[in-house]
PDB file of all heavy atoms in Angstrom:
ATOM      1  N   LYS A   1      18.598  73.112-150.221  1.00  0.00           N
ATOM      2  CA  LYS A   1      18.469  73.707-151.549  1.00  0.00           C
ATOM      3  C   LYS A   1      17.188  74.509-151.665  1.00  0.00           C
ATOM      4  O   LYS A   1      17.174  75.609-152.227  1.00  0.00           O
ATOM      5  CB  LYS A   1      18.499  72.594-152.604  1.00  0.00           C
ATOM      6  CG  LYS A   1      18.499  73.098-154.044  1.00  0.00           C
ATOM      7  CD  LYS A   1      19.755  73.884-154.368  1.00  0.00           C
ATOM      8  CE  LYS A   1      19.822  74.256-155.832  1.00  0.00           C
ATOM      9  NZ  LYS A   1      21.038  75.017-156.168  1.00  0.00           N
ATOM     10  N   LEU A   2      16.102  73.980-151.136  1.00  0.00           N
ATOM     11  CA  LEU A   2      14.828  74.694-151.207  1.00  0.00           C
ATOM     12  C   LEU A   2      14.915  76.037-150.485  1.00  0.00           C
ATOM     13  O   LEU A   2      14.397  77.043-150.980  1.00  0.00           O
ATOM     14  CB  LEU A   2      13.713  73.845-150.605  1.00  0.00           C
ATOM     15  CG  LEU A   2      13.182  72.697-151.468  1.00  0.00           C
ATOM     16  CD1 LEU A   2      12.238  71.820-150.659  1.00  0.00           C
ATOM     17  CD2 LEU A   2      12.472  73.234-152.710  1.00  0.00           C
ATOM     18  N   THR A   3      15.547  76.063-149.323  1.00  0.00           N
ATOM     19  CA  THR A   3      15.636  77.330-148.592  1.00  0.00           C
ATOM     20  C   THR A   3      16.398  78.381-149.400  1.00  0.00           C
ATOM     21  O   THR A   3      16.084  79.577-149.319  1.00  0.00           O
ATOM     22  CB  THR A   3      16.308  77.148-147.224  1.00  0.00           C
ATOM     23  OG1 THR A   3      17.647  76.671-147.389  1.00  0.00           O
ATOM     24  CG2 THR A   3      15.533  76.173-146.357  1.00  0.00           C
ATOM     25  N   MET A   4      17.369  77.938-150.187  1.00  0.00           N
ATOM     26  CA  MET A   4      18.108  78.886-151.029  1.00  0.00           C
ATOM     27  C   MET A   4      17.271  79.354-152.217  1.00  0.00           C
ATOM     28  O   MET A   4      17.498  80.430-152.756  1.00  0.00           O
ATOM     29  CB  MET A   4      19.413  78.249-151.504  1.00  0.00           C
ATOM     30  CG  MET A   4      20.426  78.026-150.389  1.00  0.00           C
ATOM     31  SD  MET A   4      22.042  77.484-150.988  1.00  0.00           S
ATOM     32  CE  MET A   4      21.672  75.804-151.495  1.00  0.00           C
ATOM     33  N   LEU A   5      16.295  78.540-152.615  1.00  0.00           N
ATOM     34  CA  LEU A   5      15.457  78.891-153.761  1.00  0.00           C
ATOM     35  C   LEU A   5      14.294  79.803-153.397  1.00  0.00           C
ATOM     36  O   LEU A   5      13.707  80.425-154.282  1.00  0.00           O
ATOM     37  CB  LEU A   5      14.893  77.621-154.412  1.00  0.00           C
ATOM     38  CG  LEU A   5      15.878  76.710-155.132  1.00  0.00           C
ATOM     39  CD1 LEU A   5      15.158  75.450-155.601  1.00  0.00           C
ATOM     40  CD2 LEU A   5      16.508  77.434-156.323  1.00  0.00           C
ATOM     41  N   PHE A   6      13.959  79.876-152.118  1.00  0.00           N
ATOM     42  CA  PHE A   6      12.775  80.641-151.731  1.00  0.00           C
ATOM     43  C   PHE A   6      12.857  82.094-152.199  1.00  0.00           C
ATOM     44  O   PHE A   6      11.856  82.692-152.574  1.00  0.00           O
ATOM     45  CB  PHE A   6      12.579  80.596-150.215  1.00  0.00           C
ATOM     46  CG  PHE A   6      12.116  79.254-149.707  1.00  0.00           C
ATOM     47  CD1 PHE A   6      12.300  78.902-148.369  1.00  0.00           C
ATOM     48  CD2 PHE A   6      11.498  78.341-150.544  1.00  0.00           C
ATOM     49  CE1 PHE A   6      11.864  77.678-147.895  1.00  0.00           C
ATOM     50  CE2 PHE A   6      11.073  77.096-150.077  1.00  0.00           C
ATOM     51  CZ  PHE A   6      11.257  76.777-148.746  1.00  0.00           C
ATOM     52  N   GLY A   7      14.048  82.654-152.189  1.00  0.00           N
ATOM     53  CA  GLY A   7      14.209  84.034-152.639  1.00  0.00           C
ATOM     54  C   GLY A   7      14.031  84.208-154.134  1.00  0.00           C
ATOM     55  O   GLY A   7      13.853  85.336-154.608  1.00  0.00           O
ATOM     56  N   SER A   8      14.070  83.099-154.886  1.00  0.00           N
ATOM     57  CA  SER A   8      13.904  83.151-156.335  1.00  0.00           C
ATOM     58  C   SER A   8      12.472  82.887-156.782  1.00  0.00           C
ATOM     59  O   SER A   8      12.177  82.962-157.974  1.00  0.00           O
ATOM     60  CB  SER A   8      14.829  82.118-157.003  1.00  0.00           C
ATOM     61  OG  SER A   8      16.175  82.344-156.663  1.00  0.00           O
ATOM     62  N   LEU A   9      11.607  82.559-155.840  1.00  0.00           N
ATOM     63  CA  LEU A   9      10.210  82.334-156.203  1.00  0.00           C
ATOM     64  C   LEU A   9       9.580  83.639-156.678  1.00  0.00           C
ATOM     65  O   LEU A   9       9.986  84.720-156.251  1.00  0.00           O
ATOM     66  CB  LEU A   9       9.431  81.801-154.994  1.00  0.00           C
ATOM     67  CG  LEU A   9       9.782  80.401-154.506  1.00  0.00           C
ATOM     68  CD1 LEU A   9       9.056  80.104-153.193  1.00  0.00           C
ATOM     69  CD2 LEU A   9       9.415  79.353-155.558  1.00  0.00           C
ATOM     70  N   PRO A  10       8.597  83.561-157.549  1.00  0.00           N
ATOM     71  CA  PRO A  10       7.943  84.794-157.995  1.00  0.00           C
ATOM     72  C   PRO A  10       7.304  85.521-156.825  1.00  0.00           C
ATOM     73  O   PRO A  10       6.851  84.899-155.854  1.00  0.00           O
ATOM     74  CB  PRO A  10       6.892  84.301-159.002  1.00  0.00           C
ATOM     75  CG  PRO A  10       6.708  82.862-158.712  1.00  0.00           C
ATOM     76  CD  PRO A  10       8.017  82.367-158.191  1.00  0.00           C
ATOM     77  N   GLU A  11       7.266  86.835-156.915  1.00  0.00           N
ATOM     78  CA  GLU A  11       6.643  87.615-155.860  1.00  0.00           C
ATOM     79  C   GLU A  11       5.174  87.215-155.724  1.00  0.00           C
ATOM     80  O   GLU A  11       4.444  87.155-156.709  1.00  0.00           O
ATOM     81  CB  GLU A  11       6.743  89.107-156.186  1.00  0.00           C
ATOM     82  CG  GLU A  11       6.223  90.004-155.086  1.00  0.00           C
ATOM     83  CD  GLU A  11       6.432  91.480-155.402  1.00  0.00           C
ATOM     84  OE1 GLU A  11       7.086  91.784-156.414  1.00  0.00           O
ATOM     85  OE2 GLU A  11       5.922  92.313-154.617  1.00  0.00           O
ATOM     86  N   GLY A  12       4.767  86.908-154.507  1.00  0.00           N
ATOM     87  CA  GLY A  12       3.395  86.447-154.303  1.00  0.00           C
ATOM     88  C   GLY A  12       3.297  84.952-154.102  1.00  0.00           C
ATOM     89  O   GLY A  12       2.189  84.418-153.982  1.00  0.00           O
ATOM     90  N   ALA A  13       4.443  84.239-154.057  1.00  0.00           N
ATOM     91  CA  ALA A  13       4.475  82.809-153.733  1.00  0.00           C
ATOM     92  C   ALA A  13       5.123  82.678-152.354  1.00  0.00           C
ATOM     93  O   ALA A  13       6.287  83.043-152.175  1.00  0.00           O
ATOM     94  CB  ALA A  13       5.255  82.020-154.772  1.00  0.00           C
ATOM     95  N   TRP A  14       4.389  82.174-151.399  1.00  0.00           N
ATOM     96  CA  TRP A  14       4.782  82.197-149.997  1.00  0.00           C
ATOM     97  C   TRP A  14       5.043  80.788-149.478  1.00  0.00           C
ATOM     98  O   TRP A  14       4.124  79.973-149.420  1.00  0.00           O
ATOM     99  CB  TRP A  14       3.679  82.849-149.164  1.00  0.00           C
ATOM    100  CG  TRP A  14       3.218  84.163-149.708  1.00  0.00           C
ATOM    101  CD1 TRP A  14       2.146  84.370-150.530  1.00  0.00           C
ATOM    102  CD2 TRP A  14       3.816  85.438-149.503  1.00  0.00           C
ATOM    103  NE1 TRP A  14       2.031  85.695-150.836  1.00  0.00           N
ATOM    104  CE2 TRP A  14       3.053  86.392-150.227  1.00  0.00           C
ATOM    105  CE3 TRP A  14       4.925  85.880-148.776  1.00  0.00           C
ATOM    106  CZ2 TRP A  14       3.357  87.742-150.232  1.00  0.00           C
ATOM    107  CZ3 TRP A  14       5.227  87.232-148.785  1.00  0.00           C
ATOM    108  CH2 TRP A  14       4.453  88.143-149.497  1.00  0.00           C
ATOM    109  N   PRO A  15       6.272  80.481-149.053  1.00  0.00           N
ATOM    110  CA  PRO A  15       6.576  79.128-148.554  1.00  0.00           C
ATOM    111  C   PRO A  15       6.026  78.876-147.150  1.00  0.00           C
ATOM    112  O   PRO A  15       6.019  79.764-146.294  1.00  0.00           O
ATOM    113  CB  PRO A  15       8.111  79.092-148.539  1.00  0.00           C
ATOM    114  CG  PRO A  15       8.562  80.287-149.322  1.00  0.00           C
ATOM    115  CD  PRO A  15       7.492  81.303-149.176  1.00  0.00           C
ATOM    116  N   VAL A  16       5.588  77.642-146.950  1.00  0.00           N
ATOM    117  CA  VAL A  16       5.186  77.145-145.636  1.00  0.00           C
ATOM    118  C   VAL A  16       5.887  75.801-145.460  1.00  0.00           C
ATOM    119  O   VAL A  16       5.755  74.916-146.313  1.00  0.00           O
ATOM    120  CB  VAL A  16       3.661  76.935-145.530  1.00  0.00           C
ATOM    121  CG1 VAL A  16       3.286  76.477-144.123  1.00  0.00           C
ATOM    122  CG2 VAL A  16       2.901  78.195-145.917  1.00  0.00           C
ATOM    123  N   ALA A  17       6.629  75.641-144.378  1.00  0.00           N
ATOM    124  CA  ALA A  17       7.348  74.385-144.132  1.00  0.00           C
ATOM    125  C   ALA A  17       6.707  73.652-142.962  1.00  0.00           C
ATOM    126  O   ALA A  17       6.447  74.246-141.906  1.00  0.00           O
ATOM    127  CB  ALA A  17       8.820  74.660-143.829  1.00  0.00           C
ATOM    128  N   PHE A  18       6.471  72.356-143.157  1.00  0.00           N
ATOM    129  CA  PHE A  18       5.846  71.535-142.125  1.00  0.00           C
ATOM    130  C   PHE A  18       6.915  70.675-141.453  1.00  0.00           C
ATOM    131  O   PHE A  18       7.627  69.918-142.112  1.00  0.00           O
ATOM    132  CB  PHE A  18       4.767  70.644-142.734  1.00  0.00           C
ATOM    133  CG  PHE A  18       3.532  71.400-143.135  1.00  0.00           C
ATOM    134  CD1 PHE A  18       3.482  72.074-144.350  1.00  0.00           C
ATOM    135  CD2 PHE A  18       2.433  71.462-142.295  1.00  0.00           C
ATOM    136  CE1 PHE A  18       2.351  72.785-144.714  1.00  0.00           C
ATOM    137  CE2 PHE A  18       1.294  72.164-142.650  1.00  0.00           C
ATOM    138  CZ  PHE A  18       1.253  72.836-143.861  1.00  0.00           C
ATOM    139  N   SER A  19       6.975  70.792-140.139  1.00  0.00           N
ATOM    140  CA  SER A  19       7.925  70.013-139.350  1.00  0.00           C
ATOM    141  C   SER A  19       7.317  69.767-137.983  1.00  0.00           C
ATOM    142  O   SER A  19       6.713  70.675-137.392  1.00  0.00           O
ATOM    143  CB  SER A  19       9.244  70.777-139.203  1.00  0.00           C
ATOM    144  OG  SER A  19      10.156  70.069-138.383  1.00  0.00           O
ATOM    145  N   GLY A  20       7.427  68.524-137.507  1.00  0.00           N
ATOM    146  CA  GLY A  20       6.893  68.202-136.193  1.00  0.00           C
ATOM    147  C   GLY A  20       5.398  68.386-136.083  1.00  0.00           C
ATOM    148  O   GLY A  20       4.887  68.665-134.991  1.00  0.00           O
ATOM    149  N   GLY A  21       4.694  68.246-137.193  1.00  0.00           N
ATOM    150  CA  GLY A  21       3.249  68.399-137.175  1.00  0.00           C
ATOM    151  C   GLY A  21       2.772  69.836-137.187  1.00  0.00           C
ATOM    152  O   GLY A  21       1.568  70.092-137.077  1.00  0.00           O
ATOM    153  N   ARG A  22       3.683  70.804-137.339  1.00  0.00           N
ATOM    154  CA  ARG A  22       3.310  72.215-137.341  1.00  0.00           C
ATOM    155  C   ARG A  22       3.711  72.881-138.657  1.00  0.00           C
ATOM    156  O   ARG A  22       4.653  72.448-139.325  1.00  0.00           O
ATOM    157  CB  ARG A  22       3.980  72.956-136.177  1.00  0.00           C
ATOM    158  CG  ARG A  22       3.493  72.514-134.808  1.00  0.00           C
ATOM    159  CD  ARG A  22       4.125  73.369-133.720  1.00  0.00           C
ATOM    160  NE  ARG A  22       3.625  73.024-132.394  1.00  0.00           N
ATOM    161  CZ  ARG A  22       3.968  73.663-131.278  1.00  0.00           C
ATOM    162  NH1 ARG A  22       4.841  74.661-131.339  1.00  0.00           N
ATOM    163  NH2 ARG A  22       3.459  73.297-130.116  1.00  0.00           N
ATOM    164  N   ALA A  23       2.991  73.960-138.971  1.00  0.00           N
ATOM    165  CA  ALA A  23       3.273  74.741-140.175  1.00  0.00           C
ATOM    166  C   ALA A  23       4.062  75.984-139.788  1.00  0.00           C
ATOM    167  O   ALA A  23       3.655  76.734-138.890  1.00  0.00           O
ATOM    168  CB  ALA A  23       1.970  75.136-140.857  1.00  0.00           C
ATOM    169  N   HIS A  24       5.186  76.202-140.475  1.00  0.00           N
ATOM    170  CA  HIS A  24       6.073  77.302-140.125  1.00  0.00           C
ATOM    171  C   HIS A  24       6.236  78.272-141.289  1.00  0.00           C
ATOM    172  O   HIS A  24       6.329  77.853-142.445  1.00  0.00           O
ATOM    173  CB  HIS A  24       7.458  76.758-139.735  1.00  0.00           C
ATOM    174  CG  HIS A  24       7.436  75.806-138.585  1.00  0.00           C
ATOM    175  ND1 HIS A  24       7.149  74.456-138.737  1.00  0.00           N
ATOM    176  CD2 HIS A  24       7.654  75.994-137.257  1.00  0.00           C
ATOM    177  CE1 HIS A  24       7.212  73.864-137.563  1.00  0.00           C
ATOM    178  NE2 HIS A  24       7.507  74.759-136.648  1.00  0.00           N
ATOM    179  N   VAL A  25       6.295  79.567-140.961  1.00  0.00           N
ATOM    180  CA  VAL A  25       6.512  80.615-141.960  1.00  0.00           C
ATOM    181  C   VAL A  25       7.535  81.606-141.405  1.00  0.00           C
ATOM    182  O   VAL A  25       7.741  81.687-140.194  1.00  0.00           O
ATOM    183  CB  VAL A  25       5.196  81.349-142.312  1.00  0.00           C
ATOM    184  CG1 VAL A  25       4.187  80.405-142.955  1.00  0.00           C
ATOM    185  CG2 VAL A  25       4.586  82.015-141.081  1.00  0.00           C
ATOM    186  N   VAL A  26       8.155  82.356-142.318  1.00  0.00           N
ATOM    187  CA  VAL A  26       9.074  83.401-141.877  1.00  0.00           C
ATOM    188  C   VAL A  26       8.504  84.790-142.144  1.00  0.00           C
ATOM    189  O   VAL A  26       9.108  85.799-141.762  1.00  0.00           O
ATOM    190  CB  VAL A  26      10.463  83.273-142.551  1.00  0.00           C
ATOM    191  CG1 VAL A  26      11.136  81.973-142.156  1.00  0.00           C
ATOM    192  CG2 VAL A  26      10.359  83.389-144.061  1.00  0.00           C
ATOM    193  N   THR A  27       7.362  84.854-142.797  1.00  0.00           N
ATOM    194  CA  THR A  27       6.703  86.123-143.064  1.00  0.00           C
ATOM    195  C   THR A  27       5.207  85.916-143.033  1.00  0.00           C
ATOM    196  O   THR A  27       4.725  84.793-142.881  1.00  0.00           O
ATOM    197  CB  THR A  27       7.147  86.686-144.429  1.00  0.00           C
ATOM    198  OG1 THR A  27       6.661  88.018-144.573  1.00  0.00           O
ATOM    199  CG2 THR A  27       6.629  85.826-145.577  1.00  0.00           C
ATOM    200  N   GLU A  28       4.451  86.979-143.166  1.00  0.00           N
ATOM    201  CA  GLU A  28       2.999  86.901-143.179  1.00  0.00           C
ATOM    202  C   GLU A  28       2.461  87.536-144.454  1.00  0.00           C
ATOM    203  O   GLU A  28       3.101  88.389-145.054  1.00  0.00           O
ATOM    204  CB  GLU A  28       2.405  87.607-141.955  1.00  0.00           C
ATOM    205  CG  GLU A  28       2.783  86.965-140.631  1.00  0.00           C
ATOM    206  CD  GLU A  28       2.169  87.688-139.448  1.00  0.00           C
ATOM    207  OE1 GLU A  28       1.538  88.750-139.668  1.00  0.00           O
ATOM    208  OE2 GLU A  28       2.322  87.205-138.314  1.00  0.00           O
ATOM    209  N   SER A  29       1.290  87.089-144.869  1.00  0.00           N
ATOM    210  CA  SER A  29       0.629  87.661-146.037  1.00  0.00           C
ATOM    211  C   SER A  29      -0.850  87.320-145.970  1.00  0.00           C
ATOM    212  O   SER A  29      -1.241  86.364-145.279  1.00  0.00           O
ATOM    213  CB  SER A  29       1.226  87.101-147.338  1.00  0.00           C
ATOM    214  OG  SER A  29       0.774  85.778-147.567  1.00  0.00           O
ATOM    215  N   PRO A  30      -1.695  88.059-146.672  1.00  0.00           N
ATOM    216  CA  PRO A  30      -3.121  87.708-146.704  1.00  0.00           C
ATOM    217  C   PRO A  30      -3.364  86.293-147.226  1.00  0.00           C
ATOM    218  O   PRO A  30      -4.242  85.586-146.720  1.00  0.00           O
ATOM    219  CB  PRO A  30      -3.721  88.763-147.636  1.00  0.00           C
ATOM    220  CG  PRO A  30      -2.816  89.945-147.484  1.00  0.00           C
ATOM    221  CD  PRO A  30      -1.440  89.353-147.336  1.00  0.00           C
ATOM    222  N   ALA A  31      -2.583  85.869-148.235  1.00  0.00           N
ATOM    223  CA  ALA A  31      -2.760  84.520-148.784  1.00  0.00           C
ATOM    224  C   ALA A  31      -2.450  83.463-147.736  1.00  0.00           C
ATOM    225  O   ALA A  31      -3.147  82.440-147.645  1.00  0.00           O
ATOM    226  CB  ALA A  31      -1.874  84.328-150.014  1.00  0.00           C
ATOM    227  N   LEU A  32      -1.425  83.685-146.943  1.00  0.00           N
ATOM    228  CA  LEU A  32      -1.084  82.726-145.890  1.00  0.00           C
ATOM    229  C   LEU A  32      -2.152  82.694-144.804  1.00  0.00           C
ATOM    230  O   LEU A  32      -2.513  81.628-144.300  1.00  0.00           O
ATOM    231  CB  LEU A  32       0.274  83.074-145.286  1.00  0.00           C
ATOM    232  CG  LEU A  32       1.492  82.803-146.161  1.00  0.00           C
ATOM    233  CD1 LEU A  32       2.759  83.318-145.483  1.00  0.00           C
ATOM    234  CD2 LEU A  32       1.630  81.322-146.477  1.00  0.00           C
ATOM    235  N   ARG A  33      -2.679  83.868-144.440  1.00  0.00           N
ATOM    236  CA  ARG A  33      -3.735  83.900-143.427  1.00  0.00           C
ATOM    237  C   ARG A  33      -4.990  83.199-143.937  1.00  0.00           C
ATOM    238  O   ARG A  33      -5.656  82.478-143.182  1.00  0.00           O
ATOM    239  CB  ARG A  33      -4.036  85.341-143.041  1.00  0.00           C
ATOM    240  CG  ARG A  33      -2.927  85.991-142.203  1.00  0.00           C
ATOM    241  CD  ARG A  33      -3.368  87.295-141.600  1.00  0.00           C
ATOM    242  NE  ARG A  33      -3.561  88.326-142.613  1.00  0.00           N
ATOM    243  CZ  ARG A  33      -2.605  89.134-143.055  1.00  0.00           C
ATOM    244  NH1 ARG A  33      -1.375  89.020-142.560  1.00  0.00           N
ATOM    245  NH2 ARG A  33      -2.857  90.055-143.954  1.00  0.00           N
ATOM    246  N   GLU A  34      -5.309  83.388-145.206  1.00  0.00           N
ATOM    247  CA  GLU A  34      -6.469  82.719-145.784  1.00  0.00           C
ATOM    248  C   GLU A  34      -6.277  81.205-145.793  1.00  0.00           C
ATOM    249  O   GLU A  34      -7.200  80.443-145.483  1.00  0.00           O
ATOM    250  CB  GLU A  34      -6.716  83.228-147.203  1.00  0.00           C
ATOM    251  CG  GLU A  34      -7.919  82.607-147.883  1.00  0.00           C
ATOM    252  CD  GLU A  34      -8.122  83.125-149.286  1.00  0.00           C
ATOM    253  OE1 GLU A  34      -7.465  84.118-149.673  1.00  0.00           O
ATOM    254  OE2 GLU A  34      -8.949  82.540-150.020  1.00  0.00           O
ATOM    255  N   TYR A  35      -5.062  80.769-146.146  1.00  0.00           N
ATOM    256  CA  TYR A  35      -4.757  79.336-146.142  1.00  0.00           C
ATOM    257  C   TYR A  35      -4.908  78.759-144.741  1.00  0.00           C
ATOM    258  O   TYR A  35      -5.532  77.701-144.542  1.00  0.00           O
ATOM    259  CB  TYR A  35      -3.340  79.113-146.666  1.00  0.00           C
ATOM    260  CG  TYR A  35      -2.748  77.789-146.275  1.00  0.00           C
ATOM    261  CD1 TYR A  35      -3.282  76.594-146.757  1.00  0.00           C
ATOM    262  CD2 TYR A  35      -1.673  77.720-145.392  1.00  0.00           C
ATOM    263  CE1 TYR A  35      -2.753  75.363-146.374  1.00  0.00           C
ATOM    264  CE2 TYR A  35      -1.133  76.501-145.014  1.00  0.00           C
ATOM    265  CZ  TYR A  35      -1.680  75.327-145.501  1.00  0.00           C
ATOM    266  OH  TYR A  35      -1.164  74.121-145.109  1.00  0.00           O
ATOM    267  N   ALA A  36      -4.348  79.426-143.733  1.00  0.00           N
ATOM    268  CA  ALA A  36      -4.424  78.933-142.361  1.00  0.00           C
ATOM    269  C   ALA A  36      -5.867  78.879-141.886  1.00  0.00           C
ATOM    270  O   ALA A  36      -6.272  77.920-141.208  1.00  0.00           O
ATOM    271  CB  ALA A  36      -3.589  79.814-141.440  1.00  0.00           C
ATOM    272  N   ASP A  37      -6.651  79.885-142.243  1.00  0.00           N
ATOM    273  CA  ASP A  37      -8.055  79.907-141.843  1.00  0.00           C
ATOM    274  C   ASP A  37      -8.826  78.782-142.498  1.00  0.00           C
ATOM    275  O   ASP A  37      -9.642  78.118-141.865  1.00  0.00           O
ATOM    276  CB  ASP A  37      -8.674  81.256-142.213  1.00  0.00           C
ATOM    277  CG  ASP A  37     -10.152  81.321-141.843  1.00  0.00           C
ATOM    278  OD1 ASP A  37     -10.460  81.289-140.653  1.00  0.00           O
ATOM    279  OD2 ASP A  37     -10.995  81.391-142.770  1.00  0.00           O
ATOM    280  N   ARG A  38      -8.546  78.550-143.755  1.00  0.00           N
ATOM    281  CA  ARG A  38      -9.255  77.490-144.481  1.00  0.00           C
ATOM    282  C   ARG A  38      -8.974  76.125-143.868  1.00  0.00           C
ATOM    283  O   ARG A  38      -9.865  75.298-143.714  1.00  0.00           O
ATOM    284  CB  ARG A  38      -8.820  77.498-145.937  1.00  0.00           C
ATOM    285  CG  ARG A  38      -9.429  76.357-146.738  1.00  0.00           C
ATOM    286  CD  ARG A  38      -8.630  76.058-147.983  1.00  0.00           C
ATOM    287  NE  ARG A  38      -8.928  74.697-148.403  1.00  0.00           N
ATOM    288  CZ  ARG A  38      -8.444  74.145-149.501  1.00  0.00           C
ATOM    289  NH1 ARG A  38      -7.645  74.808-150.270  1.00  0.00           N
ATOM    290  NH2 ARG A  38      -8.748  72.912-149.821  1.00  0.00           N
ATOM    291  N   ASP A  39      -7.707  75.867-143.512  1.00  0.00           N
ATOM    292  CA  ASP A  39      -7.340  74.564-142.955  1.00  0.00           C
ATOM    293  C   ASP A  39      -7.538  74.487-141.443  1.00  0.00           C
ATOM    294  O   ASP A  39      -7.399  73.410-140.854  1.00  0.00           O
ATOM    295  CB  ASP A  39      -5.882  74.237-143.296  1.00  0.00           C
ATOM    296  CG  ASP A  39      -5.752  73.533-144.642  1.00  0.00           C
ATOM    297  OD1 ASP A  39      -6.688  73.653-145.452  1.00  0.00           O
ATOM    298  OD2 ASP A  39      -4.734  72.868-144.872  1.00  0.00           O
ATOM    299  N   GLY A  40      -7.853  75.615-140.821  1.00  0.00           N
ATOM    300  CA  GLY A  40      -8.062  75.599-139.378  1.00  0.00           C
ATOM    301  C   GLY A  40      -6.801  75.312-138.599  1.00  0.00           C
ATOM    302  O   GLY A  40      -6.823  74.606-137.584  1.00  0.00           O
ATOM    303  N   ILE A  41      -5.669  75.858-139.069  1.00  0.00           N
ATOM    304  CA  ILE A  41      -4.395  75.611-138.400  1.00  0.00           C
ATOM    305  C   ILE A  41      -3.737  76.926-138.012  1.00  0.00           C
ATOM    306  O   ILE A  41      -4.107  78.001-138.506  1.00  0.00           O
ATOM    307  CB  ILE A  41      -3.421  74.809-139.295  1.00  0.00           C
ATOM    308  CG1 ILE A  41      -3.100  75.590-140.591  1.00  0.00           C
ATOM    309  CG2 ILE A  41      -3.993  73.439-139.603  1.00  0.00           C
ATOM    310  CD1 ILE A  41      -2.016  74.954-141.428  1.00  0.00           C
ATOM    311  N   ALA A  42      -2.757  76.849-137.133  1.00  0.00           N
ATOM    312  CA  ALA A  42      -1.948  78.007-136.763  1.00  0.00           C
ATOM    313  C   ALA A  42      -0.647  77.978-137.551  1.00  0.00           C
ATOM    314  O   ALA A  42      -0.084  76.907-137.792  1.00  0.00           O
ATOM    315  CB  ALA A  42      -1.651  77.983-135.265  1.00  0.00           C
ATOM    316  N   LEU A  43      -0.194  79.125-137.976  1.00  0.00           N
ATOM    317  CA  LEU A  43       1.104  79.252-138.631  1.00  0.00           C
ATOM    318  C   LEU A  43       2.103  79.758-137.602  1.00  0.00           C
ATOM    319  O   LEU A  43       1.923  80.832-137.022  1.00  0.00           O
ATOM    320  CB  LEU A  43       1.028  80.218-139.813  1.00  0.00           C
ATOM    321  CG  LEU A  43       0.098  79.818-140.958  1.00  0.00           C
ATOM    322  CD1 LEU A  43       0.110  80.888-142.055  1.00  0.00           C
ATOM    323  CD2 LEU A  43       0.486  78.468-141.540  1.00  0.00           C
TER     324      LEU A  43
END
């Protein structure tokens, strides 16, 4: 259900899904890069 809702999120809200200890994205954005840098993780 969440995957179907991602397209309805307001523009500028970027999903990140955690599975197997890793963070996954289907697109890139400055906000996502800033988040990854802050947490010291790879997307």
